[in-house]
């Protein structure tokens, strides 16, 4: 079976590897010059850089074993440490009631407790709907904690009011069910086998940044005869009836064409559907325009100190600061930076094409240093610009109206007999790395189940014999 995979992020590479392992002929098309998508890594001088902080954690022993195998066992385990900087203090995140109590004055703490009890009482008398993000948080945490922690960061990171953000996002991303849940976890922490432990302990490549996962997939795909074409953006998906007959892509300024029996898409779903030729009907085109994404500018700074903080990342919710999150790669892997210095990644959310999106390295570095000085993390003049990077489709925007256009695009995608969309971008889903890898594997296995393998010497799932692994 001839399969074309659109996108060399983790979902696309996992899918391509599984298809190659079952003997199918696979070509992966990737617009960037490196594999990995949002989970790519690159070097600038002695520093290993990622697109912000990444951590792999999963409840699936099979998926964890798969990751360890892809990394040839070169994995480190870290205990997650992340905090929020607010009002000149650092709060552990996820929020812990004992830590919040120790950092807030008694009056504010009493008001937070009273607000929570009042919110729960209102819900007991008259249950309310989760109309949006604000409503979801208010009835579970109360007004004071919402105004203090949840609203500033969320509205800043997404660039929109919390009343315009769907409650779906809150339910998926906030780890505590409510303030009472946070209290119970503070007084009686879950055991090692509980979900909380799995979420706080994570795995990361021993060296090479998070992009080592993608590079591990790429080596194995090529060793199995698969093809990965970089700097090859997809331009058109040629329809013949209800099937994609071929994919047209650009390489070195020229359009090339590759025929396909099956297509696995991990590009942003609106882009993939807009690439169909003949194009989709007006309703589908309108739906594609309605699904939007948050973009991020990443600015990387060198600091001539062994360490800036012990945290993997720190949230900066206050709106007078432009940066919304800062991460330090040395805390993920000792090899990410030399011993005498460190590198910080500062993230600024925006919309592609706006003034922030167009910042130069020097402009972005000045903004980032200013914000870090304001939080007390660095001193003025102590940083040096390293690099600036951009992600156009960073976060799918779960606004109040996203469900209807998403349903329309999914229905249009499912009407094409040989097209499968998967992964974070292909499903317009705000998920984690393990989800993306798992989705890619699942999509490939479904295709393999429907078509006989082109070869019978299938390797064991998730494994290559040591002798077959490229150096």
Protein backbone atom coordinates (compact mmCIF):
# COMPACT_ATOMS: atom_id res chain seq x y z
CA UNK A 1 0.00 0.00 0.00
CA UNK A 2 1.35 3.42 -1.00
CA UNK A 3 0.82 5.89 1.88
CA UNK A 4 1.65 9.58 1.94
CA UNK A 5 1.91 11.13 5.42
CA UNK A 6 1.43 14.88 5.63
CA UNK A 7 3.58 16.37 8.37
CA UNK A 8 6.63 15.09 10.28
CA UNK A 9 5.48 15.90 13.79
CA UNK A 10 5.21 13.14 16.37
CA UNK A 11 1.81 11.87 15.20
CA UNK A 12 2.91 11.73 11.56
CA UNK A 13 6.23 10.07 12.33
CA UNK A 14 4.68 7.52 14.69
CA UNK A 15 2.13 6.66 12.02
CA UNK A 16 4.79 6.45 9.29
CA UNK A 17 7.00 4.20 11.42
CA UNK A 18 4.16 1.81 12.18
CA UNK A 19 3.18 1.65 8.52
CA UNK A 20 6.78 1.00 7.45
CA UNK A 21 7.10 -1.68 10.09
CA UNK A 22 4.15 -3.47 8.47
CA UNK A 23 5.81 -3.34 5.07
CA UNK A 24 3.93 -0.47 3.41
CA UNK A 25 5.54 2.10 1.11
CA UNK A 26 5.58 5.43 2.95
CA UNK A 27 6.55 8.99 2.04
CA UNK A 28 6.43 11.74 4.66
CA UNK A 29 6.14 15.37 3.50
CA UNK A 30 7.28 18.12 5.88
CA UNK A 31 7.41 21.83 5.19
CA UNK A 32 10.15 22.59 7.75
CA UNK A 33 13.86 21.74 7.29
CA UNK A 34 13.79 19.44 10.34
CA UNK A 35 11.53 16.72 11.70
CA UNK A 36 9.51 17.05 14.91
CA UNK A 37 6.95 19.77 14.27
CA UNK A 38 6.19 21.43 17.61
CA UNK A 39 8.48 18.85 19.28
CA UNK A 40 11.58 19.70 17.19
CA UNK A 41 14.96 20.69 18.64
CA UNK A 42 17.99 22.50 17.26
CA UNK A 43 21.34 23.78 18.46
CA UNK A 44 22.61 27.34 18.72
CA UNK A 45 26.24 27.23 19.80
CA UNK A 46 26.47 24.98 22.89
CA UNK A 47 22.72 25.22 23.63
CA UNK A 48 20.01 22.70 22.78
CA UNK A 49 16.72 24.52 22.15
CA UNK A 50 13.11 23.30 22.05
CA UNK A 51 9.85 25.06 21.24
CA UNK A 52 9.21 25.77 24.91
CA UNK A 53 8.89 23.11 27.62
CA UNK A 54 7.96 19.54 26.70
CA UNK A 55 7.42 16.57 29.00
CA UNK A 56 6.41 13.02 28.16
CA UNK A 57 4.12 11.30 30.64
CA UNK A 58 1.58 8.57 30.07
CA UNK A 59 -0.59 6.08 31.92
CA UNK A 60 0.12 3.45 29.26
CA UNK A 61 3.05 1.08 30.03
CA UNK A 62 3.03 0.04 26.37
CA UNK A 63 3.40 3.62 25.16
CA UNK A 64 6.16 4.34 27.67
CA UNK A 65 8.04 1.22 26.55
CA UNK A 66 7.61 2.38 22.95
CA UNK A 67 9.14 5.78 23.77
CA UNK A 68 12.07 4.26 25.64
CA UNK A 69 12.72 1.98 22.68
CA UNK A 70 12.58 4.83 20.16
CA UNK A 71 15.15 6.66 22.32
CA UNK A 72 17.33 3.52 22.61
CA UNK A 73 16.92 3.69 26.38
CA UNK A 74 18.53 7.15 26.58
CA UNK A 75 15.88 8.62 28.88
CA UNK A 76 15.95 10.62 32.10
CA UNK A 77 13.12 10.92 34.61
CA UNK A 78 12.37 14.30 36.14
CA UNK A 79 10.02 15.42 38.89
CA UNK A 80 8.07 18.29 37.40
CA UNK A 81 8.62 21.65 39.03
CA UNK A 82 6.60 24.59 37.77
CA UNK A 83 5.47 27.76 39.46
CA UNK A 84 3.44 30.91 38.93
CA UNK A 85 5.03 34.30 39.59
CA UNK A 86 2.41 36.68 40.96
CA UNK A 87 2.52 39.73 43.19
CA UNK A 88 6.23 39.28 43.68
CA UNK A 89 5.85 35.71 44.96
CA UNK A 90 6.15 32.23 43.48
CA UNK A 91 3.26 29.77 43.80
CA UNK A 92 3.63 26.08 42.98
CA UNK A 93 1.53 24.87 40.06
CA UNK A 94 -0.71 22.88 40.01
CA UNK A 95 -1.99 24.91 42.93
CA UNK A 96 -1.47 23.41 46.36
CA UNK A 97 -3.64 24.80 49.13
CA UNK A 98 -0.82 24.83 51.70
CA UNK A 99 1.41 26.80 49.33
CA UNK A 100 -1.35 29.26 48.43
CA UNK A 101 -2.10 29.75 52.14
CA UNK A 102 1.56 30.43 52.88
CA UNK A 103 1.86 33.05 50.14
CA UNK A 104 -1.41 34.99 50.58
CA UNK A 105 -2.27 37.30 53.45
CA UNK A 106 -4.98 36.10 55.82
CA UNK A 107 -7.66 38.51 54.57
CA UNK A 108 -7.24 37.46 50.95
CA UNK A 109 -7.14 33.82 51.99
CA UNK A 110 -10.33 34.21 54.03
CA UNK A 111 -12.04 35.90 51.09
CA UNK A 112 -10.99 33.07 48.78
CA UNK A 113 -12.46 30.51 51.16
CA UNK A 114 -15.69 32.47 51.56
CA UNK A 115 -16.04 32.89 47.80
CA UNK A 116 -15.54 29.17 47.27
CA UNK A 117 -18.18 28.24 49.87
CA UNK A 118 -20.62 30.77 48.42
CA UNK A 119 -20.07 29.41 44.90
CA UNK A 120 -20.66 25.83 46.02
CA UNK A 121 -23.79 26.86 47.91
CA UNK A 122 -25.19 28.57 44.82
CA UNK A 123 -24.52 25.44 42.80
CA UNK A 124 -26.25 23.29 45.38
CA UNK A 125 -29.35 25.49 45.30
CA UNK A 126 -29.40 26.12 41.56
CA UNK A 127 -26.90 24.20 39.38
CA UNK A 128 -25.58 26.26 36.49
CA UNK A 129 -24.27 25.34 33.07
CA UNK A 130 -20.60 25.55 32.13
CA UNK A 131 -21.23 28.27 29.56
CA UNK A 132 -17.56 29.27 29.18
CA UNK A 133 -14.18 29.10 30.90
CA UNK A 134 -15.05 31.78 33.43
CA UNK A 135 -18.26 30.04 34.51
CA UNK A 136 -16.45 26.69 34.81
CA UNK A 137 -13.78 28.09 37.15
CA UNK A 138 -16.04 30.36 39.20
CA UNK A 139 -18.31 27.59 40.37
CA UNK A 140 -15.39 25.32 41.26
CA UNK A 141 -12.90 27.78 42.79
CA UNK A 142 -14.76 31.02 43.53
CA UNK A 143 -14.25 34.59 42.37
CA UNK A 144 -11.09 35.42 44.34
CA UNK A 145 -8.95 32.56 43.06
CA UNK A 146 -10.36 33.05 39.55
CA UNK A 147 -9.38 36.74 39.53
CA UNK A 148 -6.01 36.00 41.10
CA UNK A 149 -4.77 32.94 39.19
CA UNK A 150 -7.01 31.70 36.41
CA UNK A 151 -8.27 34.78 34.56
CA UNK A 152 -5.02 36.73 34.14
CA UNK A 153 -2.97 33.93 32.60
CA UNK A 154 -5.75 32.43 30.48
CA UNK A 155 -6.92 35.67 28.89
CA UNK A 156 -3.29 36.75 28.35
CA UNK A 157 -2.14 33.47 26.80
CA UNK A 158 -5.17 33.13 24.53
CA UNK A 159 -5.52 36.81 23.70
CA UNK A 160 -9.26 36.87 24.37
CA UNK A 161 -11.70 37.25 27.28
CA UNK A 162 -12.37 34.14 29.35
CA UNK A 163 -16.07 34.52 28.61
CA UNK A 164 -15.24 33.76 24.96
CA UNK A 165 -13.27 30.58 25.74
CA UNK A 166 -15.12 27.27 25.83
CA UNK A 167 -15.42 25.38 29.11
CA UNK A 168 -14.09 22.37 27.17
CA UNK A 169 -10.60 23.76 27.56
CA UNK A 170 -10.90 24.15 31.33
CA UNK A 171 -12.18 20.61 31.77
CA UNK A 172 -9.28 19.22 29.77
CA UNK A 173 -6.40 21.27 31.23
CA UNK A 174 -7.10 22.09 34.91
CA UNK A 175 -5.95 19.15 37.01
CA UNK A 176 -8.02 19.78 40.14
CA UNK A 177 -11.77 19.24 40.05
CA UNK A 178 -12.29 22.15 42.46
CA UNK A 179 -10.81 23.77 45.58
CA UNK A 180 -11.93 20.85 47.75
CA UNK A 181 -10.04 18.49 45.46
CA UNK A 182 -6.91 20.64 45.87
CA UNK A 183 -7.33 20.50 49.66
CA UNK A 184 -7.69 16.71 49.67
CA UNK A 185 -4.55 16.32 47.55
CA UNK A 186 -2.65 18.60 49.89
CA UNK A 187 -3.71 16.73 53.03
CA UNK A 188 -3.45 13.26 51.49
CA UNK A 189 -1.19 13.15 48.43
CA UNK A 190 -2.00 10.28 46.06
CA UNK A 191 0.31 7.26 46.00
CA UNK A 192 2.90 6.59 43.33
CA UNK A 193 0.44 4.75 41.15
CA UNK A 194 -2.12 7.54 41.04
CA UNK A 195 -2.71 9.86 38.11
CA UNK A 196 -1.23 12.82 39.96
CA UNK A 197 2.11 11.05 40.31
CA UNK A 198 2.10 10.22 36.61
CA UNK A 199 1.41 13.83 35.74
CA UNK A 200 4.21 15.23 37.91
CA UNK A 201 6.93 12.74 36.98
CA UNK A 202 7.92 12.86 33.33
CA UNK A 203 10.40 11.41 30.85
CA UNK A 204 12.77 13.34 28.61
CA UNK A 205 15.64 12.40 26.26
CA UNK A 206 19.00 12.21 28.02
CA UNK A 207 20.53 14.40 25.31
CA UNK A 208 19.54 16.04 22.04
CA UNK A 209 16.44 17.86 23.29
CA UNK A 210 12.86 16.71 22.84
CA UNK A 211 13.55 16.53 19.09
CA UNK A 212 15.53 13.36 19.66
CA UNK A 213 12.22 11.46 19.69
CA UNK A 214 11.40 12.65 16.17
CA UNK A 215 14.93 12.00 14.96
CA UNK A 216 14.71 8.48 16.39
CA UNK A 217 11.54 7.85 14.41
CA UNK A 218 13.12 9.32 11.27
CA UNK A 219 16.16 7.05 11.46
CA UNK A 220 13.98 3.98 11.81
CA UNK A 221 11.60 5.01 9.03
CA UNK A 222 14.52 5.43 6.63
CA UNK A 223 16.10 2.18 7.79
CA UNK A 224 12.84 0.41 6.88
CA UNK A 225 12.80 1.96 3.41
CA UNK A 226 10.50 4.90 4.13
CA UNK A 227 11.09 8.33 2.62
CA UNK A 228 11.03 11.68 4.46
CA UNK A 229 11.12 14.81 2.33
CA UNK A 230 11.97 18.00 4.26
CA UNK A 231 11.36 21.58 3.11
CA UNK A 232 8.51 20.13 1.04
CA UNK A 233 5.25 21.98 1.86
CA UNK A 234 1.99 20.41 0.66
CA UNK A 235 0.19 22.57 -1.89
CA UNK A 236 -2.72 20.51 -3.22
CA UNK A 237 -4.58 17.28 -2.57
CA UNK A 238 -5.94 16.07 -5.92
CA UNK A 239 -9.38 14.52 -5.61
CA UNK A 240 -10.75 11.91 -7.95
CA UNK A 241 -14.29 11.23 -6.89
CA UNK A 242 -14.22 10.53 -3.14
CA UNK A 243 -10.54 9.63 -3.03
CA UNK A 244 -7.27 11.54 -3.04
CA UNK A 245 -5.41 10.40 -6.14
CA UNK A 246 -2.21 12.36 -5.60
CA UNK A 247 -0.51 14.99 -3.45
CA UNK A 248 1.25 17.98 -4.97
CA UNK A 249 4.06 19.51 -2.94
CA UNK A 250 6.76 22.09 -3.49
CA UNK A 251 10.45 21.30 -3.41
CA UNK A 252 13.25 23.67 -4.35
CA UNK A 253 10.77 26.03 -6.00
CA UNK A 254 9.14 23.41 -8.23
CA UNK A 255 5.85 21.54 -7.85
CA UNK A 256 6.12 17.76 -7.63
CA UNK A 257 3.41 15.12 -7.58
CA UNK A 258 3.16 11.83 -5.75
CA UNK A 259 0.33 9.33 -6.13
CA UNK A 260 -1.25 7.86 -3.00
CA UNK A 261 -3.49 4.95 -2.12
CA UNK A 262 -3.91 6.30 1.42
CA UNK A 263 -3.19 9.71 2.95
CA UNK A 264 -2.53 10.30 6.65
CA UNK A 265 -2.93 13.97 7.50
CA UNK A 266 -1.38 15.64 10.54
CA UNK A 267 -1.45 19.18 9.13
CA UNK A 268 -3.90 21.65 10.70
CA UNK A 269 -7.29 20.35 9.63
CA UNK A 270 -8.45 23.69 8.10
CA UNK A 271 -5.31 23.82 5.94
CA UNK A 272 -5.69 20.25 4.77
CA UNK A 273 -9.33 20.69 3.77
CA UNK A 274 -8.54 23.98 2.04
CA UNK A 275 -5.86 22.19 -0.05
CA UNK A 276 -8.41 19.89 -1.71
CA UNK A 277 -8.77 20.23 -5.48
CA UNK A 278 -11.50 20.45 -6.59
CA UNK A 279 -12.06 22.57 -3.52
CA UNK A 280 -14.71 21.85 -0.89
CA UNK A 281 -18.11 23.54 -0.95
CA UNK A 282 -18.76 26.98 0.49
CA UNK A 283 -19.90 25.67 3.88
CA UNK A 284 -16.69 23.70 4.40
CA UNK A 285 -14.55 26.65 3.28
CA UNK A 286 -16.39 28.89 5.76
CA UNK A 287 -15.87 26.34 8.52
CA UNK A 288 -12.13 26.22 7.76
CA UNK A 289 -11.93 30.01 8.13
CA UNK A 290 -13.75 29.93 11.48
CA UNK A 291 -11.30 27.60 13.23
CA UNK A 292 -8.44 29.70 14.55
CA UNK A 293 -5.10 29.20 16.28
CA UNK A 294 -2.96 31.01 18.83
CA UNK A 295 0.55 31.70 17.54
CA UNK A 296 3.69 31.93 19.67
CA UNK A 297 6.96 33.81 19.34
CA UNK A 298 9.79 32.07 21.25
CA UNK A 299 12.80 34.16 22.21
CA UNK A 300 15.90 32.43 23.56
CA UNK A 301 18.35 34.15 25.90
CA UNK A 302 21.77 33.12 27.15
CA UNK A 303 22.46 33.89 30.81
CA UNK A 304 26.01 33.73 32.15
CA UNK A 305 24.98 31.85 35.29
CA UNK A 306 24.89 28.10 35.98
CA UNK A 307 21.16 28.33 36.74
CA UNK A 308 18.37 30.88 36.92
CA UNK A 309 15.77 28.81 38.77
CA UNK A 310 15.09 25.17 39.70
CA UNK A 311 11.86 25.22 37.71
CA UNK A 312 11.18 23.54 34.41
CA UNK A 313 8.91 26.45 33.60
CA UNK A 314 7.36 29.48 35.27
CA UNK A 315 4.04 31.10 34.34
CA UNK A 316 3.92 34.90 34.20
CA UNK A 317 0.21 35.79 34.25
CA UNK A 318 0.42 39.50 35.06
CA UNK A 319 -0.71 41.57 32.10
CA UNK A 320 1.96 44.26 32.37
CA UNK A 321 4.40 41.56 31.27
CA UNK A 322 4.46 40.42 27.64
CA UNK A 323 6.06 37.03 28.27
CA UNK A 324 3.54 34.45 29.50
CA UNK A 325 5.91 31.54 30.25
CA UNK A 326 9.65 31.04 30.70
CA UNK A 327 11.47 27.69 30.70
CA UNK A 328 15.04 26.59 31.39
CA UNK A 329 16.23 23.63 29.32
CA UNK A 330 19.09 22.68 31.63
CA UNK A 331 16.49 21.55 34.17
CA UNK A 332 15.17 19.04 31.62
CA UNK A 333 18.54 17.64 30.56
CA UNK A 334 22.03 18.31 31.93
CA UNK A 335 23.41 18.33 28.39
CA UNK A 336 21.18 21.18 27.20
CA UNK A 337 23.66 23.89 28.24
CA UNK A 338 27.27 24.18 29.48
CA UNK A 339 27.85 24.08 33.23
CA UNK A 340 28.82 27.74 33.57
CA UNK A 341 25.83 29.19 31.66
CA UNK A 342 22.20 28.49 30.85
CA UNK A 343 19.56 29.26 28.22
CA UNK A 344 16.03 30.50 28.82
CA UNK A 345 13.05 30.29 26.49
CA UNK A 346 10.50 33.09 26.79
CA UNK A 347 7.12 32.65 25.10
CA UNK A 348 4.89 35.45 23.86
CA UNK A 349 1.49 34.54 22.43
CA UNK A 350 0.06 36.46 19.52
CA UNK A 351 -1.77 36.07 16.22
CA UNK A 352 0.21 35.33 13.08
CA UNK A 353 0.82 38.56 11.18
CA UNK A 354 0.41 40.99 14.08
CA UNK A 355 3.12 43.28 15.49
CA UNK A 356 4.36 40.70 17.99
CA UNK A 357 4.67 38.06 15.26
CA UNK A 358 7.02 40.37 13.36
CA UNK A 359 9.43 41.13 16.22
CA UNK A 360 13.11 40.83 15.37
CA UNK A 361 15.43 38.86 17.64
CA UNK A 362 16.80 42.05 19.16
CA UNK A 363 13.34 43.52 19.79
CA UNK A 364 11.99 40.30 21.29
CA UNK A 365 15.11 39.87 23.45
CA UNK A 366 14.72 43.37 24.92
CA UNK A 367 11.09 42.63 25.83
CA UNK A 368 11.99 39.27 27.34
CA UNK A 369 14.86 40.63 29.45
CA UNK A 370 12.68 43.49 30.68
CA UNK A 371 10.02 41.04 31.90
CA UNK A 372 12.56 38.71 33.51
CA UNK A 373 14.13 41.67 35.34
CA UNK A 374 10.67 42.68 36.59
CA UNK A 375 10.17 39.21 38.09
CA UNK A 376 13.61 39.18 39.70
CA UNK A 377 14.85 36.20 37.68
CA UNK A 378 17.74 38.06 36.00
CA UNK A 379 19.56 41.37 36.28
CA UNK A 380 19.43 44.07 33.64
CA UNK A 381 22.10 43.57 30.99
CA UNK A 382 22.84 39.98 32.09
CA UNK A 383 21.33 38.23 29.04
CA UNK A 384 22.40 37.80 25.43
CA UNK A 385 20.02 37.07 22.51
CA UNK A 386 20.41 33.55 21.11
CA UNK A 387 17.55 32.92 18.71
CA UNK A 388 13.93 33.64 17.89
CA UNK A 389 11.43 31.08 16.56
CA UNK A 390 7.76 31.13 15.66
CA UNK A 391 4.87 28.67 15.61
CA UNK A 392 1.90 29.78 13.53
CA UNK A 393 -0.47 26.99 14.64
CA UNK A 394 0.51 26.58 18.30
CA UNK A 395 -2.81 26.18 20.16
CA UNK A 396 -6.22 25.45 18.65
CA UNK A 397 -8.61 28.13 19.90
CA UNK A 398 -11.56 26.63 21.74
CA UNK A 399 -13.86 29.62 21.47
CA UNK A 400 -17.58 29.38 22.10
CA UNK A 401 -18.29 28.65 18.44
CA UNK A 402 -15.60 26.09 17.57
CA UNK A 403 -17.69 22.93 17.77
CA UNK A 404 -19.95 23.55 14.75
CA UNK A 405 -17.18 24.34 12.21
CA UNK A 406 -15.09 21.49 13.60
CA UNK A 407 -17.96 19.05 13.07
CA UNK A 408 -18.32 20.31 9.50
CA UNK A 409 -14.63 19.80 8.73
CA UNK A 410 -14.52 16.36 10.34
CA UNK A 411 -17.56 15.30 8.33
CA UNK A 412 -15.95 16.55 5.12
CA UNK A 413 -12.71 14.75 5.97
CA UNK A 414 -14.51 11.50 6.74
CA UNK A 415 -16.31 11.68 3.39
CA UNK A 416 -12.96 11.18 1.64
CA UNK A 417 -12.45 7.43 1.58
CA UNK A 418 -8.66 7.29 1.73
CA UNK A 419 -7.94 10.25 4.04
CA UNK A 420 -7.25 9.87 7.77
CA UNK A 421 -6.59 12.94 9.93
CA UNK A 422 -4.87 12.42 13.25
CA UNK A 423 -2.70 14.12 15.84
CA UNK A 424 -3.01 17.46 17.59
CA UNK A 425 -3.31 19.52 14.42
CA UNK A 426 -5.18 17.00 12.30
CA UNK A 427 -7.91 16.63 14.92
CA UNK A 428 -7.84 20.26 16.17
CA UNK A 429 -7.24 18.91 19.66
CA UNK A 430 -5.26 20.43 22.52
CA UNK A 431 -3.48 17.28 23.65
CA UNK A 432 -0.15 16.08 25.01
CA UNK A 433 2.81 14.35 23.37
CA UNK A 434 1.74 10.88 24.44
CA UNK A 435 -1.71 11.47 22.95
CA UNK A 436 -0.20 12.56 19.62
CA UNK A 437 2.07 9.52 19.41
CA UNK A 438 -0.76 7.21 20.44
CA UNK A 439 -3.11 8.75 17.88
CA UNK A 440 -0.53 8.31 15.12
CA UNK A 441 0.02 4.66 16.02
CA UNK A 442 -3.72 4.01 16.22
CA UNK A 443 -4.35 5.58 12.79
CA UNK A 444 -1.61 3.46 11.23
CA UNK A 445 -2.85 0.25 12.82
CA UNK A 446 -6.37 0.92 11.55
CA UNK A 447 -5.03 1.29 8.01
CA UNK A 448 -2.94 -1.87 8.38
CA UNK A 449 -5.99 -3.79 9.52
CA UNK A 450 -7.86 -2.79 6.35
CA UNK A 451 -5.07 -3.62 3.91
CA UNK A 452 -2.66 -6.57 3.69
CA UNK A 453 0.96 -5.79 4.41
CA UNK A 454 3.17 -5.39 1.34
CA UNK A 455 5.79 -7.54 3.07
CA UNK A 456 5.52 -10.34 5.59
CA UNK A 457 8.69 -9.76 7.63
CA UNK A 458 7.00 -7.46 10.14
CA UNK A 459 9.11 -6.36 13.08
CA UNK A 460 7.77 -6.70 16.64
CA UNK A 461 5.54 -3.76 17.54
CA UNK A 462 7.59 -0.79 18.61
CA UNK A 463 10.90 -2.62 18.22
CA UNK A 464 13.77 -3.02 15.78
CA UNK A 465 16.39 -5.66 16.28
CA UNK A 466 19.48 -4.02 17.77
CA UNK A 467 21.57 -5.08 14.75
CA UNK A 468 19.18 -3.25 12.41
CA UNK A 469 19.29 0.06 14.26
CA UNK A 470 21.29 2.74 12.50
CA UNK A 471 24.21 4.17 14.44
